[in-house]
């Protein structure tokens, strides 16, 4: 199992978050990854572009205070929803932890 930690402490934009994800995880198909929440869901739940490529992975998102303000909190709430949905999938090989 691989564990990736995305530290959001210096992120000022959603693009910073997506670029941070790509830099830390170095996923398969990163050049085709859509850098949005729908693409993130597709990558983690179905192995689409941006999938970590490991048999089993944990992606931990930490220091989320900065990203909580993106889109008046809607980005963070949607990210939490992705984590809840993904983590409830019984056969998912990727777990998403938001701290």
Foldseek 3Di string as FASTA:
>chain_A
DEEWEQECQPDQALQSSLVSLCVGLVAAQQVVQPSALVSVLCCQVPVPRSNSPDQAYEYEYPPCPNVCPYPHNPRVVSVVVSQVVQVVPPPGRYHYHYD
